[in-house]
Amino acid sequence: MTQPDLSFLIDIARHAGQILRDMHRTKIDVQHKDVTDLVTAADKAAETFLLDEILSKFPSHSINSEESGKHEGDPNHKWYIDPLDGTLNYAHGMPMFSTSIGYALNGKLELGVIYDPLLDEMFSAQRGQGAFVNGKHLQVSKNQDLIDCLLVTSFKRKLLDTKQSNIDNFFRLSKLTQGVRRLGSAAINLAYVAAGRLDGYWDVTLSQWDAAAGILLVEEAGGVVTKMYGEPDPLNEPVSILAANPTIHSLILEELSALRKQAGW
């Protein structure tokens, strides 16, 4: 077998999620990569499991994983792994976190899963086959006006005193919508947009492993995903995100672009 099928991603995500669930709210050996960038024993245990499973079956494939970095291999078969997306939540005992796995063939995302182990929700997508949660078909929100929308975003601590702080965007879109959430897991944000639970998500800067699976989920659920200011190929570095249904995507993009122009950058 030269490439995986969706059932393989679902299986390993579920097992990695079991590791996270078993270690949640226990002694998890929190370490600091930065002030708000943490890594726990759970991150490492789940990642070790995922890498072992993938490389045992696909030893020539390349992998980009959050904790251990890049594993060089065939660039035509590339994996994007975040064993624990939402580590800060996890370290504080919060229940909003997930395992995210994406697989790209010849530079195009083909498979993606995001698993929330506490809610036992398995979000999955295969290119051209739709998006699902626990076997139920997903569709992005049908709202057509910002005032009907609930959005989600995040803030990066290192950007708070820069033009990319995202604060002005947050204030502006908070006034134009029913609200803007901050959940602490980019993967969950994208999964919830795909499910229509949230109407749109924008983020200034992400890593590839944060976004890969979720991008495919949103697209397969009928949504549009670009970089934050509308550029194509959101997974190309530097990664930023704007995801929503086609109409809401355009409306958010208009507001974000106007604020950037106003700020002069």
Protein backbone atom coordinates (compact mmCIF):
# COMPACT_ATOMS: atom_id res chain seq x y z
CA MET A 1 0.00 0.00 0.00
CA THR A 2 1.59 3.26 -1.14
CA GLN A 3 -1.00 5.64 0.30
CA PRO A 4 -3.45 5.56 3.20
CA ASP A 5 -7.21 5.39 3.18
CA LEU A 6 -9.49 7.43 5.40
CA SER A 7 -10.17 4.52 7.74
CA PHE A 8 -6.49 4.40 8.68
CA LEU A 9 -6.48 8.09 9.69
CA ILE A 10 -9.69 7.61 11.68
CA ASP A 11 -8.24 4.62 13.50
CA ILE A 12 -4.96 6.23 14.52
CA ALA A 13 -6.66 9.51 15.48
CA ARG A 14 -9.03 7.61 17.74
CA HIS A 15 -6.16 5.79 19.44
CA ALA A 16 -4.18 9.03 19.87
CA GLY A 17 -7.29 10.61 21.34
CA GLN A 18 -7.54 7.77 23.83
CA ILE A 19 -4.02 8.62 25.01
CA LEU A 20 -5.03 12.25 25.49
CA ARG A 21 -8.23 11.28 27.28
CA ASP A 22 -6.44 8.91 29.63
CA MET A 23 -3.86 11.56 30.56
CA HIS A 24 -6.28 14.49 30.84
CA ARG A 25 -6.40 16.16 34.25
CA THR A 26 -3.49 14.03 35.49
CA LYS A 27 0.19 14.84 36.05
CA ILE A 28 1.11 15.80 32.50
CA ASP A 29 4.62 17.29 32.88
CA VAL A 30 4.02 20.71 31.32
CA GLN A 31 7.05 22.33 29.68
CA HIS A 32 7.33 25.80 28.15
CA LYS A 33 8.48 26.33 24.57
CA ASP A 34 7.42 29.97 25.04
CA VAL A 35 5.32 31.84 27.60
CA THR A 36 2.05 30.57 26.15
CA ASP A 37 3.43 27.81 23.91
CA LEU A 38 3.38 24.66 25.99
CA VAL A 39 4.14 21.00 25.44
CA THR A 40 2.99 18.20 27.69
CA ALA A 41 3.78 14.53 28.14
CA ALA A 42 0.45 13.87 26.45
CA ASP A 43 1.53 15.75 23.29
CA LYS A 44 4.67 13.63 23.14
CA ALA A 45 2.96 10.32 23.88
CA ALA A 46 0.25 10.88 21.26
CA GLU A 47 2.78 12.03 18.68
CA THR A 48 5.06 9.04 19.28
CA PHE A 49 2.11 6.73 18.70
CA LEU A 50 1.08 8.50 15.48
CA LEU A 51 4.60 8.61 14.04
CA ASP A 52 5.17 4.94 14.82
CA GLU A 53 1.91 3.92 13.15
CA ILE A 54 2.43 6.04 10.03
CA LEU A 55 6.08 5.23 9.49
CA SER A 56 5.57 1.51 10.09
CA LYS A 57 3.16 1.39 7.15
CA PHE A 58 4.50 4.25 5.02
CA PRO A 59 8.21 4.52 5.83
CA SER A 60 9.03 6.60 2.75
CA HIS A 61 6.43 9.32 3.43
CA SER A 62 7.30 12.79 4.73
CA ILE A 63 5.74 14.11 7.91
CA ASN A 64 5.40 17.61 9.36
CA SER A 65 4.52 17.23 13.02
CA GLU A 66 4.26 19.85 15.74
CA GLU A 67 6.54 18.46 18.42
CA SER A 68 9.23 16.63 16.46
CA GLY A 69 9.26 18.80 13.34
CA LYS A 70 9.86 17.56 9.82
CA HIS A 71 10.60 13.94 8.95
CA GLU A 72 12.06 14.07 5.49
CA GLY A 73 10.72 11.65 2.90
CA ASP A 74 8.85 11.53 -0.38
CA PRO A 75 7.36 15.05 -0.77
CA ASN A 76 4.57 13.62 -2.93
CA HIS A 77 3.22 11.86 0.17
CA LYS A 78 3.05 14.35 3.03
CA TRP A 79 1.42 14.18 6.45
CA TYR A 80 0.51 17.08 8.74
CA ILE A 81 0.13 16.02 12.37
CA ASP A 82 -0.91 17.91 15.47
CA PRO A 83 -1.18 15.27 18.20
CA LEU A 84 -2.73 17.75 20.64
CA ASP A 85 -4.18 20.94 19.24
CA GLY A 86 -5.24 23.12 22.16
CA THR A 87 -2.37 22.28 24.50
CA LEU A 88 -2.92 25.40 26.62
CA ASN A 89 -6.54 24.35 27.22
CA TYR A 90 -5.42 20.82 27.96
CA ALA A 91 -2.77 21.90 30.45
CA HIS A 92 -5.36 23.89 32.39
CA GLY A 93 -7.91 21.07 32.46
CA MET A 94 -10.13 22.69 29.83
CA PRO A 95 -12.11 20.29 27.61
CA MET A 96 -11.48 21.98 24.23
CA PHE A 97 -8.69 20.12 22.41
CA SER A 98 -8.23 17.67 19.56
CA THR A 99 -5.98 15.49 17.45
CA SER A 100 -5.59 16.65 13.84
CA ILE A 101 -4.17 14.59 10.95
CA GLY A 102 -3.99 15.62 7.30
CA TYR A 103 -2.55 13.78 4.31
CA ALA A 104 -1.60 15.36 0.97
CA LEU A 105 -0.84 13.57 -2.28
CA ASN A 106 1.22 15.43 -4.88
CA GLY A 107 0.72 18.69 -3.03
CA LYS A 108 -3.06 18.43 -2.69
CA LEU A 109 -4.87 17.62 0.55
CA GLU A 110 -6.72 14.33 0.12
CA LEU A 111 -7.59 13.10 3.63
CA GLY A 112 -8.21 14.82 6.93
CA VAL A 113 -9.50 13.94 10.39
CA ILE A 114 -9.98 15.95 13.57
CA TYR A 115 -10.90 14.01 16.69
CA ASP A 116 -12.30 15.48 19.89
CA PRO A 117 -11.72 12.67 22.38
CA LEU A 118 -13.83 14.05 25.23
CA LEU A 119 -16.95 14.49 23.08
CA ASP A 120 -16.00 11.44 20.98
CA GLU A 121 -16.56 13.43 17.79
CA MET A 122 -14.64 12.23 14.75
CA PHE A 123 -14.65 14.83 11.96
CA SER A 124 -13.43 13.34 8.68
CA ALA A 125 -13.11 14.29 5.03
CA GLN A 126 -11.86 12.81 1.78
CA ARG A 127 -11.45 14.96 -1.29
CA GLY A 128 -14.52 14.71 -3.49
CA GLN A 129 -16.40 12.59 -0.95
CA GLY A 130 -17.76 15.17 1.47
CA ALA A 131 -17.17 15.85 5.15
CA PHE A 132 -18.67 14.00 8.11
CA VAL A 133 -18.83 13.85 11.89
CA ASN A 134 -19.42 10.38 13.29
CA GLY A 135 -20.87 9.39 9.92
CA LYS A 136 -23.25 12.35 9.64
CA HIS A 137 -22.80 14.58 6.61
CA LEU A 138 -21.56 18.11 7.30
CA GLN A 139 -22.49 21.38 5.62
CA VAL A 140 -21.25 24.89 6.36
CA SER A 141 -23.66 27.51 7.65
CA LYS A 142 -26.21 28.92 5.22
CA ASN A 143 -26.29 32.38 6.80
CA GLN A 144 -25.92 35.23 4.33
CA ASP A 145 -25.62 38.28 6.61
CA LEU A 146 -22.92 39.02 9.18
CA ILE A 147 -25.49 40.04 11.80
CA ASP A 148 -26.71 36.43 11.85
CA CYS A 149 -23.23 34.98 12.34
CA LEU A 150 -21.15 33.64 15.20
CA LEU A 151 -17.44 33.79 14.33
CA VAL A 152 -14.22 32.57 15.90
CA THR A 153 -10.63 33.83 15.91
CA SER A 154 -7.49 33.83 18.06
CA PHE A 155 -4.73 36.15 19.23
CA LYS A 156 -1.01 35.47 19.22
CA ARG A 157 0.75 36.91 22.26
CA LYS A 158 3.86 37.84 20.28
CA LEU A 159 1.76 39.94 17.88
CA LEU A 160 -0.26 41.91 20.43
CA ASP A 161 1.88 45.06 20.14
CA THR A 162 2.13 44.94 16.34
CA LYS A 163 -0.11 45.87 13.42
CA GLN A 164 -1.04 42.20 13.17
CA SER A 165 -2.43 42.07 16.71
CA ASN A 166 -5.92 41.18 15.38
CA ILE A 167 -7.50 43.37 18.06
CA ASP A 168 -9.05 45.86 15.65
CA ASN A 169 -10.41 43.01 13.52
CA PHE A 170 -11.95 41.46 16.62
CA PHE A 171 -13.65 44.70 17.72
CA ARG A 172 -14.97 45.46 14.23
CA LEU A 173 -16.40 42.01 13.57
CA SER A 174 -17.78 41.75 17.10
CA LYS A 175 -19.92 44.81 16.35
CA LEU A 176 -21.12 43.44 13.01
CA THR A 177 -22.02 39.91 14.15
CA GLN A 178 -23.72 38.12 17.02
CA GLY A 179 -20.30 37.48 18.55
CA VAL A 180 -16.72 36.30 18.12
CA ARG A 181 -15.45 33.33 20.11
CA ARG A 182 -11.92 32.25 21.04
CA LEU A 183 -11.86 28.50 21.61
CA GLY A 184 -8.13 27.79 21.76
CA SER A 185 -7.95 25.07 19.10
CA ALA A 186 -7.54 25.99 15.44
CA ALA A 187 -8.51 22.46 14.40
CA ILE A 188 -11.75 22.61 16.39
CA ASN A 189 -12.46 26.07 14.94
CA LEU A 190 -12.26 24.70 11.41
CA ALA A 191 -14.22 21.55 12.26
CA TYR A 192 -17.00 23.69 13.74
CA VAL A 193 -17.10 25.90 10.64
CA ALA A 194 -17.44 22.75 8.53
CA ALA A 195 -20.28 21.62 10.81
CA GLY A 196 -22.09 24.96 10.58
CA ARG A 197 -21.78 25.49 14.34
CA LEU A 198 -19.65 28.56 13.64
CA ASP A 199 -20.17 30.72 10.57
CA GLY A 200 -16.58 31.79 9.97
CA TYR A 201 -13.03 31.66 11.24
CA TRP A 202 -10.09 33.94 10.60
CA ASP A 203 -6.59 33.74 12.06
CA VAL A 204 -3.48 35.81 11.54
CA THR A 205 -0.85 33.12 11.78
CA LEU A 206 -0.96 29.34 12.10
CA SER A 207 1.23 26.32 11.52
CA GLN A 208 0.56 23.84 8.74
CA TRP A 209 -0.31 21.06 11.18
CA ASP A 210 -2.95 23.29 12.82
CA ALA A 211 -4.87 23.81 9.63
CA ALA A 212 -4.35 21.01 7.10
CA ALA A 213 -7.14 18.63 8.09
CA GLY A 214 -9.56 21.46 8.84
CA ILE A 215 -9.05 23.13 5.48
CA LEU A 216 -10.17 19.96 3.71
CA LEU A 217 -13.12 19.56 6.07
CA VAL A 218 -14.43 23.06 5.35
CA GLU A 219 -13.97 22.74 1.61
CA GLU A 220 -15.70 19.37 1.51
CA ALA A 221 -18.55 20.83 3.57
CA GLY A 222 -19.13 23.50 0.91
CA GLY A 223 -17.06 26.30 2.38
CA VAL A 224 -14.30 28.53 1.04
CA VAL A 225 -10.85 28.66 2.63
CA THR A 226 -8.16 31.18 1.69
CA LYS A 227 -5.42 33.03 3.46
CA MET A 228 -6.68 35.77 5.74
CA TYR A 229 -6.65 38.44 3.05
CA GLY A 230 -7.99 36.28 0.25
CA GLU A 231 -4.82 34.84 -1.25
CA PRO A 232 -5.11 31.22 -2.45
CA ASP A 233 -3.29 28.16 -1.07
CA PRO A 234 -3.78 28.84 2.64
CA LEU A 235 -1.51 25.94 3.63
CA ASN A 236 1.52 27.57 1.98
CA GLU A 237 3.72 29.26 4.56
CA PRO A 238 3.24 31.71 6.13
CA VAL A 239 -0.11 30.14 6.97
CA SER A 240 -3.14 32.29 7.73
CA ILE A 241 -6.82 31.42 7.47
CA LEU A 242 -10.18 32.79 6.43
CA ALA A 243 -12.86 30.08 6.28
CA ALA A 244 -16.63 30.42 5.87
CA ASN A 245 -19.44 29.80 3.41
CA PRO A 246 -18.88 31.68 0.14
CA THR A 247 -21.04 34.70 0.99
CA ILE A 248 -19.82 35.18 4.55
CA HIS A 249 -16.23 34.64 3.42
CA SER A 250 -16.57 37.59 1.04
CA LEU A 251 -18.14 39.80 3.70
CA ILE A 252 -15.47 39.03 6.31
CA LEU A 253 -12.74 39.54 3.72
CA GLU A 254 -14.15 42.96 2.86
CA GLU A 255 -14.00 44.04 6.52
CA LEU A 256 -10.52 42.63 7.14
CA SER A 257 -9.15 44.24 3.98
CA ALA A 258 -10.68 47.61 4.84
CA LEU A 259 -9.14 47.58 8.30
CA ARG A 260 -5.72 46.64 6.93
CA LYS A 261 -5.90 49.50 4.43
CA GLN A 262 -6.98 51.86 7.20
CA ALA A 263 -3.97 50.76 9.27
CA GLY A 264 -1.68 51.44 6.32
CA TRP A 265 -0.08 48.06 5.76
